[in-house]
């Protein structure tokens, strides 16, 4: 079963918003200004396009024996039997998440925490039911998920 991950809309608004000042600040009367503007736009797009692709290509897949989180080319497999706790976190520590509110998944193996983007609103109940069904041994507290 595939469940899409949510994205903070502010993150997607940053990409086009960073291009706006370029058009107001540049005097296009000389060739140097046009080249400089083109280089600036190219660099910004090289940074922003991957962010937008990540936003569109982020999802959870509930496999038969593990949970798979995919964000563009990055994949994280978590076996169900290793999941000990699932909860909501607002911890902005480094993790592959496109939202500020994240699903924190703790594993038994090393007691590490993985933070992932929360599912999109229409799939949150289904995510909660799937994780509860596949990890009956885990402490699951998704009450702050906002169903």
N, C-alpha and C. Protein backbone atom coordinates (compact mmCIF):
# COMPACT_ATOMS: atom_id res chain seq x y z
N UNK A 1 0.84 -1.18 0.00
CA UNK A 1 0.00 0.00 0.00
C UNK A 1 0.89 1.24 0.00
N UNK A 2 0.57 2.18 -0.85
CA UNK A 2 1.35 3.40 -1.00
C UNK A 2 0.59 4.58 -0.42
N UNK A 3 1.26 5.36 0.44
CA UNK A 3 0.67 6.54 1.06
C UNK A 3 1.61 7.72 0.83
N UNK A 4 1.11 8.77 0.22
CA UNK A 4 1.94 9.94 -0.06
C UNK A 4 2.28 10.71 1.21
N UNK A 5 3.49 11.24 1.25
CA UNK A 5 3.93 12.06 2.38
C UNK A 5 3.51 13.50 2.14
N UNK A 6 3.25 14.21 3.22
CA UNK A 6 2.83 15.59 3.12
C UNK A 6 4.01 16.53 2.89
N UNK A 7 3.70 17.73 2.44
CA UNK A 7 4.71 18.74 2.17
C UNK A 7 4.23 20.05 2.77
N UNK A 8 5.15 20.78 3.38
CA UNK A 8 4.83 22.10 3.89
C UNK A 8 4.68 23.04 2.68
N UNK A 9 3.50 23.64 2.47
CA UNK A 9 3.30 24.49 1.29
C UNK A 9 4.26 25.67 1.26
N UNK A 10 4.69 26.13 2.42
CA UNK A 10 5.65 27.24 2.48
C UNK A 10 6.94 26.87 1.75
N UNK A 11 7.34 25.61 1.87
CA UNK A 11 8.56 25.15 1.21
C UNK A 11 8.44 25.28 -0.31
N UNK A 12 7.27 24.96 -0.84
CA UNK A 12 7.08 25.06 -2.28
C UNK A 12 6.93 26.50 -2.76
N UNK A 13 6.52 27.41 -1.87
CA UNK A 13 6.40 28.82 -2.24
C UNK A 13 7.75 29.53 -2.23
N UNK A 14 8.71 28.99 -1.49
CA UNK A 14 10.04 29.61 -1.43
C UNK A 14 10.69 29.59 -2.81
N UNK A 15 10.54 28.49 -3.53
CA UNK A 15 11.22 28.34 -4.82
C UNK A 15 10.89 29.48 -5.79
N UNK A 16 9.63 29.72 -6.12
CA UNK A 16 9.37 30.82 -7.06
C UNK A 16 9.60 32.20 -6.43
N UNK A 17 9.42 32.31 -5.13
CA UNK A 17 9.58 33.61 -4.46
C UNK A 17 11.02 34.11 -4.51
N UNK A 18 11.99 33.21 -4.53
CA UNK A 18 13.38 33.65 -4.56
C UNK A 18 13.76 34.24 -5.91
N UNK A 19 12.98 33.96 -6.94
CA UNK A 19 13.29 34.51 -8.26
C UNK A 19 12.74 35.92 -8.46
N UNK A 20 11.76 36.33 -7.67
CA UNK A 20 11.10 37.63 -7.85
C UNK A 20 12.05 38.81 -7.72
N UNK A 21 12.91 38.88 -6.68
CA UNK A 21 13.78 40.05 -6.56
C UNK A 21 14.73 40.25 -7.74
N UNK A 22 15.06 39.21 -8.43
CA UNK A 22 15.99 39.32 -9.56
C UNK A 22 15.41 40.24 -10.63
N UNK A 23 14.11 40.14 -10.87
CA UNK A 23 13.50 40.91 -11.93
C UNK A 23 13.31 42.38 -11.55
N UNK A 24 13.21 42.68 -10.26
CA UNK A 24 13.04 44.06 -9.84
C UNK A 24 14.38 44.78 -9.65
N UNK A 25 15.42 44.03 -9.39
CA UNK A 25 16.71 44.62 -9.06
C UNK A 25 17.64 44.77 -10.27
N UNK A 26 17.32 44.15 -11.37
CA UNK A 26 18.24 44.11 -12.50
C UNK A 26 17.88 45.15 -13.55
N UNK A 27 18.89 45.91 -13.97
CA UNK A 27 18.74 46.84 -15.07
C UNK A 27 19.23 46.10 -16.32
N UNK A 28 18.33 45.78 -17.21
CA UNK A 28 18.67 44.96 -18.36
C UNK A 28 19.23 45.77 -19.53
N UNK A 29 19.85 46.89 -19.22
CA UNK A 29 20.37 47.75 -20.29
C UNK A 29 21.71 47.27 -20.82
N UNK A 30 22.40 46.43 -20.07
CA UNK A 30 23.69 45.95 -20.55
C UNK A 30 23.71 44.43 -20.63
N UNK A 31 24.59 43.93 -21.45
CA UNK A 31 24.72 42.49 -21.65
C UNK A 31 25.21 41.81 -20.37
N UNK A 32 26.04 42.48 -19.60
CA UNK A 32 26.57 41.93 -18.36
C UNK A 32 25.44 41.65 -17.37
N UNK A 33 24.49 42.57 -17.28
CA UNK A 33 23.35 42.37 -16.37
C UNK A 33 22.49 41.19 -16.80
N UNK A 34 22.30 41.01 -18.09
CA UNK A 34 21.49 39.90 -18.59
C UNK A 34 22.19 38.57 -18.29
N UNK A 35 23.51 38.51 -18.52
CA UNK A 35 24.26 37.29 -18.24
C UNK A 35 24.25 36.99 -16.74
N UNK A 36 24.43 38.01 -15.94
CA UNK A 36 24.41 37.83 -14.48
C UNK A 36 23.06 37.33 -13.99
N UNK A 37 21.99 37.88 -14.54
CA UNK A 37 20.65 37.43 -14.16
C UNK A 37 20.43 35.99 -14.60
N UNK A 38 20.88 35.63 -15.79
CA UNK A 38 20.71 34.26 -16.28
C UNK A 38 21.48 33.27 -15.40
N UNK A 39 22.68 33.63 -15.00
CA UNK A 39 23.47 32.74 -14.13
C UNK A 39 22.80 32.59 -12.78
N UNK A 40 22.30 33.67 -12.21
CA UNK A 40 21.62 33.62 -10.92
C UNK A 40 20.37 32.74 -10.99
N UNK A 41 19.59 32.91 -12.03
CA UNK A 41 18.38 32.08 -12.19
C UNK A 41 18.76 30.61 -12.34
N UNK A 42 19.80 30.33 -13.13
CA UNK A 42 20.23 28.94 -13.32
C UNK A 42 20.67 28.30 -12.01
N UNK A 43 21.43 29.03 -11.20
CA UNK A 43 21.90 28.48 -9.92
C UNK A 43 20.72 28.24 -8.98
N UNK A 44 19.80 29.20 -8.90
CA UNK A 44 18.63 29.02 -8.03
C UNK A 44 17.78 27.84 -8.48
N UNK A 45 17.61 27.68 -9.78
CA UNK A 45 16.82 26.55 -10.28
C UNK A 45 17.50 25.22 -10.00
N UNK A 46 18.83 25.19 -10.05
CA UNK A 46 19.55 23.96 -9.73
C UNK A 46 19.34 23.55 -8.28
N UNK A 47 19.09 24.52 -7.43
CA UNK A 47 18.84 24.23 -6.01
C UNK A 47 17.36 23.89 -5.80
N UNK A 48 16.48 24.63 -6.44
CA UNK A 48 15.06 24.52 -6.16
C UNK A 48 14.36 23.36 -6.86
N UNK A 49 14.80 22.99 -8.03
CA UNK A 49 14.16 21.89 -8.75
C UNK A 49 14.24 20.58 -7.96
N UNK A 50 15.40 20.21 -7.40
CA UNK A 50 15.43 18.99 -6.58
C UNK A 50 14.49 19.04 -5.38
N UNK A 51 14.33 20.21 -4.77
CA UNK A 51 13.41 20.33 -3.63
C UNK A 51 11.98 20.04 -4.09
N UNK A 52 11.60 20.58 -5.23
CA UNK A 52 10.24 20.33 -5.75
C UNK A 52 10.05 18.88 -6.14
N UNK A 53 11.08 18.25 -6.71
CA UNK A 53 10.98 16.84 -7.07
C UNK A 53 10.82 16.00 -5.81
N UNK A 54 11.59 16.33 -4.76
CA UNK A 54 11.44 15.60 -3.49
C UNK A 54 10.03 15.73 -2.96
N UNK A 55 9.45 16.90 -3.09
CA UNK A 55 8.09 17.11 -2.59
C UNK A 55 7.09 16.24 -3.32
N UNK A 56 7.31 16.04 -4.60
CA UNK A 56 6.37 15.24 -5.39
C UNK A 56 6.65 13.75 -5.32
N UNK A 57 7.84 13.37 -4.99
CA UNK A 57 8.24 11.95 -4.99
C UNK A 57 8.49 11.43 -3.59
N UNK A 58 7.71 11.83 -2.61
CA UNK A 58 7.85 11.35 -1.23
C UNK A 58 6.62 10.55 -0.84
N UNK A 59 6.85 9.32 -0.36
CA UNK A 59 5.72 8.46 0.00
C UNK A 59 6.18 7.32 0.89
N UNK A 60 5.20 6.68 1.53
CA UNK A 60 5.41 5.47 2.34
C UNK A 60 4.86 4.30 1.55
N UNK A 61 5.54 3.15 1.66
CA UNK A 61 5.00 1.90 1.11
C UNK A 61 5.02 0.88 2.24
N UNK A 62 3.86 0.32 2.52
CA UNK A 62 3.76 -0.74 3.51
C UNK A 62 3.97 -2.07 2.80
N UNK A 63 5.17 -2.62 2.90
CA UNK A 63 5.50 -3.92 2.30
C UNK A 63 5.08 -5.01 3.27
N UNK A 64 5.27 -6.26 2.89
CA UNK A 64 4.84 -7.37 3.74
C UNK A 64 5.65 -7.47 5.04
N UNK A 65 6.93 -7.13 5.00
CA UNK A 65 7.76 -7.28 6.20
C UNK A 65 8.47 -6.01 6.65
N UNK A 66 8.30 -4.90 5.92
CA UNK A 66 8.96 -3.65 6.32
C UNK A 66 8.20 -2.43 5.78
N UNK A 67 8.48 -1.31 6.43
CA UNK A 67 7.96 -0.02 5.99
C UNK A 67 9.05 0.64 5.17
N UNK A 68 8.68 1.11 3.99
CA UNK A 68 9.64 1.76 3.10
C UNK A 68 9.23 3.21 2.95
N UNK A 69 10.16 4.12 3.26
CA UNK A 69 9.93 5.55 3.05
C UNK A 69 10.81 5.97 1.89
N UNK A 70 10.20 6.58 0.87
CA UNK A 70 10.93 6.99 -0.32
C UNK A 70 10.82 8.51 -0.45
N UNK A 71 11.98 9.15 -0.66
CA UNK A 71 12.01 10.58 -0.96
C UNK A 71 12.99 10.77 -2.10
N UNK A 72 12.44 10.85 -3.30
CA UNK A 72 13.16 10.95 -4.56
C UNK A 72 14.09 9.75 -4.71
N UNK A 73 15.38 9.91 -4.58
CA UNK A 73 16.30 8.78 -4.75
C UNK A 73 16.70 8.14 -3.43
N UNK A 74 16.29 8.72 -2.31
CA UNK A 74 16.66 8.22 -0.99
C UNK A 74 15.57 7.27 -0.50
N UNK A 75 15.98 6.10 -0.01
CA UNK A 75 15.02 5.12 0.50
C UNK A 75 15.46 4.65 1.88
N UNK A 76 14.49 4.48 2.75
CA UNK A 76 14.75 4.00 4.11
C UNK A 76 13.81 2.84 4.38
N UNK A 77 14.37 1.65 4.67
CA UNK A 77 13.58 0.47 5.01
C UNK A 77 13.64 0.25 6.51
N UNK A 78 12.48 0.05 7.10
CA UNK A 78 12.40 -0.22 8.53
C UNK A 78 11.57 -1.48 8.73
N UNK A 79 12.19 -2.58 9.16
CA UNK A 79 11.42 -3.81 9.42
C UNK A 79 10.40 -3.57 10.53
N UNK A 80 9.21 -4.13 10.35
CA UNK A 80 8.13 -3.93 11.33
C UNK A 80 8.52 -4.45 12.71
N UNK A 81 9.23 -5.56 12.76
CA UNK A 81 9.56 -6.14 14.06
C UNK A 81 10.55 -5.29 14.85
N UNK A 82 11.25 -4.34 14.18
CA UNK A 82 12.19 -3.46 14.88
C UNK A 82 11.54 -2.17 15.37
N UNK A 83 10.34 -1.86 14.91
CA UNK A 83 9.67 -0.61 15.33
C UNK A 83 9.15 -0.78 16.75
N UNK A 84 9.61 0.11 17.64
CA UNK A 84 9.18 0.02 19.03
C UNK A 84 8.25 1.17 19.43
N UNK A 85 8.34 2.29 18.73
CA UNK A 85 7.52 3.45 19.09
C UNK A 85 7.30 4.32 17.86
N UNK A 86 6.07 4.82 17.71
CA UNK A 86 5.73 5.73 16.62
C UNK A 86 4.96 6.88 17.23
N UNK A 87 5.42 8.10 16.98
CA UNK A 87 4.75 9.27 17.54
C UNK A 87 4.96 10.47 16.62
N UNK A 88 4.33 11.58 16.95
CA UNK A 88 4.48 12.82 16.19
C UNK A 88 5.53 13.68 16.88
N UNK A 89 6.39 14.29 16.09
CA UNK A 89 7.46 15.13 16.62
C UNK A 89 7.51 16.45 15.86
N UNK A 90 7.91 17.48 16.55
CA UNK A 90 8.16 18.77 15.91
C UNK A 90 9.66 19.10 15.97
N UNK A 91 10.46 18.08 16.18
CA UNK A 91 11.90 18.25 16.27
C UNK A 91 12.47 18.53 14.87
N UNK A 92 13.06 19.70 14.65
CA UNK A 92 13.57 20.02 13.31
C UNK A 92 15.00 19.52 13.06
N UNK A 93 15.41 18.50 13.79
CA UNK A 93 16.77 17.99 13.59
C UNK A 93 16.92 17.45 12.18
N UNK A 94 18.14 17.26 11.78
CA UNK A 94 18.38 16.85 10.39
C UNK A 94 17.73 15.50 10.12
N UNK A 95 16.89 15.51 9.16
CA UNK A 95 16.20 14.30 8.74
C UNK A 95 15.55 14.56 7.40
N UNK A 96 15.23 13.54 6.68
CA UNK A 96 14.60 13.74 5.37
C UNK A 96 13.11 13.99 5.50
N UNK A 97 12.73 15.20 5.79
CA UNK A 97 11.32 15.51 5.95
C UNK A 97 11.03 16.86 5.32
N UNK A 98 9.90 16.96 4.68
CA UNK A 98 9.50 18.20 4.02
C UNK A 98 8.43 18.94 4.81
N UNK A 99 8.26 18.58 6.07
CA UNK A 99 7.30 19.24 6.94
C UNK A 99 7.96 19.50 8.29
N UNK A 100 7.35 20.39 9.07
CA UNK A 100 7.86 20.63 10.42
C UNK A 100 7.31 19.62 11.41
N UNK A 101 6.09 19.17 11.18
CA UNK A 101 5.49 18.11 12.00
C UNK A 101 5.85 16.79 11.35
N UNK A 102 6.45 15.90 12.10
CA UNK A 102 6.99 14.68 11.51
C UNK A 102 6.58 13.45 12.28
N UNK A 103 6.61 12.32 11.59
CA UNK A 103 6.39 11.03 12.23
C UNK A 103 7.74 10.55 12.73
N UNK A 104 7.84 10.35 14.04
CA UNK A 104 9.08 9.83 14.63
C UNK A 104 8.92 8.32 14.82
N UNK A 105 9.83 7.57 14.24
CA UNK A 105 9.79 6.11 14.34
C UNK A 105 11.05 5.66 15.07
N UNK A 106 10.85 5.06 16.23
CA UNK A 106 11.96 4.54 17.02
C UNK A 106 12.10 3.05 16.75
N UNK A 107 13.33 2.58 16.66
CA UNK A 107 13.58 1.16 16.42
C UNK A 107 14.23 0.53 17.63
N UNK A 108 14.04 -0.78 17.80
CA UNK A 108 14.60 -1.52 18.94
C UNK A 108 16.09 -1.74 18.79
N UNK A 109 16.58 -1.84 17.57
CA UNK A 109 17.95 -2.25 17.35
C UNK A 109 18.97 -1.34 18.04
N UNK A 110 18.86 -0.03 17.86
CA UNK A 110 19.83 0.88 18.47
C UNK A 110 19.13 2.00 19.24
N UNK A 111 17.84 1.98 19.30
CA UNK A 111 17.03 3.04 19.91
C UNK A 111 17.34 4.39 19.28
N UNK A 112 17.35 4.38 17.98
CA UNK A 112 17.51 5.61 17.22
C UNK A 112 16.14 6.09 16.75
N UNK A 113 16.08 7.34 16.45
CA UNK A 113 14.82 7.94 16.00
C UNK A 113 14.98 8.37 14.55
N UNK A 114 14.05 8.00 13.72
CA UNK A 114 14.00 8.48 12.34
C UNK A 114 12.80 9.39 12.22
N UNK A 115 13.00 10.55 11.62
CA UNK A 115 11.91 11.50 11.43
C UNK A 115 11.52 11.55 9.97
N UNK A 116 10.22 11.42 9.69
CA UNK A 116 9.72 11.43 8.32
C UNK A 116 8.57 12.40 8.22
N UNK A 117 8.31 12.88 7.01
CA UNK A 117 7.16 13.76 6.77
C UNK A 117 5.87 13.03 7.13
N UNK A 118 4.92 13.78 7.65
CA UNK A 118 3.63 13.16 7.96
C UNK A 118 2.90 12.86 6.65
N UNK A 119 2.00 11.88 6.66
CA UNK A 119 1.22 11.59 5.45
C UNK A 119 0.30 12.75 5.10
N UNK A 120 -0.11 12.82 3.84
CA UNK A 120 -1.05 13.87 3.45
C UNK A 120 -2.36 13.66 4.19
N UNK A 121 -3.12 14.71 4.33
CA UNK A 121 -4.30 14.71 5.19
C UNK A 121 -5.29 13.58 4.88
N UNK A 122 -5.55 13.32 3.60
CA UNK A 122 -6.55 12.31 3.27
C UNK A 122 -6.09 10.89 3.59
N UNK A 123 -4.78 10.66 3.76
CA UNK A 123 -4.25 9.33 4.04
C UNK A 123 -3.81 9.12 5.49
N UNK A 124 -4.01 10.09 6.35
CA UNK A 124 -3.51 9.97 7.73
C UNK A 124 -4.18 8.86 8.52
N UNK A 125 -5.49 8.73 8.38
CA UNK A 125 -6.20 7.68 9.10
C UNK A 125 -5.75 6.31 8.61
N UNK A 126 -5.60 6.17 7.31
CA UNK A 126 -5.14 4.91 6.73
C UNK A 126 -3.73 4.57 7.20
N UNK A 127 -2.84 5.59 7.30
CA UNK A 127 -1.48 5.38 7.80
C UNK A 127 -1.52 4.89 9.24
N UNK A 128 -2.34 5.55 10.05
CA UNK A 128 -2.46 5.18 11.47
C UNK A 128 -2.95 3.73 11.61
N UNK A 129 -3.95 3.36 10.83
CA UNK A 129 -4.48 2.00 10.90
C UNK A 129 -3.45 0.97 10.43
N UNK A 130 -2.74 1.26 9.36
CA UNK A 130 -1.75 0.33 8.82
C UNK A 130 -0.60 0.11 9.80
N UNK A 131 -0.09 1.18 10.37
CA UNK A 131 1.06 1.03 11.29
C UNK A 131 0.62 0.30 12.55
N UNK A 132 -0.60 0.53 13.01
CA UNK A 132 -1.11 -0.18 14.19
C UNK A 132 -1.32 -1.67 13.90
N UNK A 133 -1.80 -1.98 12.71
CA UNK A 133 -2.03 -3.37 12.34
C UNK A 133 -0.72 -4.13 12.14
N UNK A 134 0.26 -3.50 11.54
CA UNK A 134 1.50 -4.19 11.21
C UNK A 134 2.51 -4.19 12.36
N UNK A 135 2.33 -3.31 13.33
CA UNK A 135 3.24 -3.23 14.49
C UNK A 135 2.43 -3.28 15.79
N UNK A 136 1.76 -4.40 16.09
CA UNK A 136 0.93 -4.46 17.29
C UNK A 136 1.75 -4.39 18.58
N UNK A 137 3.03 -4.71 18.51
CA UNK A 137 3.92 -4.69 19.67
C UNK A 137 4.43 -3.28 19.98
N UNK A 138 4.30 -2.35 19.05
CA UNK A 138 4.87 -1.00 19.21
C UNK A 138 3.94 -0.07 20.00
N UNK A 139 4.56 0.88 20.67
CA UNK A 139 3.83 1.94 21.36
C UNK A 139 3.53 3.01 20.32
N UNK A 140 2.27 3.13 19.93
CA UNK A 140 1.89 4.06 18.85
C UNK A 140 1.02 5.17 19.41
N UNK A 141 1.53 6.40 19.31
CA UNK A 141 0.78 7.56 19.77
C UNK A 141 0.76 8.58 18.63
N UNK A 142 -0.26 8.50 17.81
CA UNK A 142 -0.43 9.42 16.69
C UNK A 142 -1.63 10.34 16.93
N UNK A 143 -1.91 10.62 18.20
CA UNK A 143 -3.08 11.44 18.54
C UNK A 143 -2.92 12.88 18.03
N UNK A 144 -1.69 13.36 17.89
CA UNK A 144 -1.46 14.72 17.41
C UNK A 144 -1.31 14.77 15.90
N UNK A 145 -1.68 13.70 15.22
CA UNK A 145 -1.53 13.64 13.78
C UNK A 145 -2.51 14.56 13.07
N UNK A 146 -3.58 14.90 13.70
CA UNK A 146 -4.54 15.82 13.11
C UNK A 146 -5.44 15.14 12.10
N UNK A 147 -6.21 14.16 12.56
CA UNK A 147 -7.07 13.40 11.64
C UNK A 147 -8.33 14.14 11.32
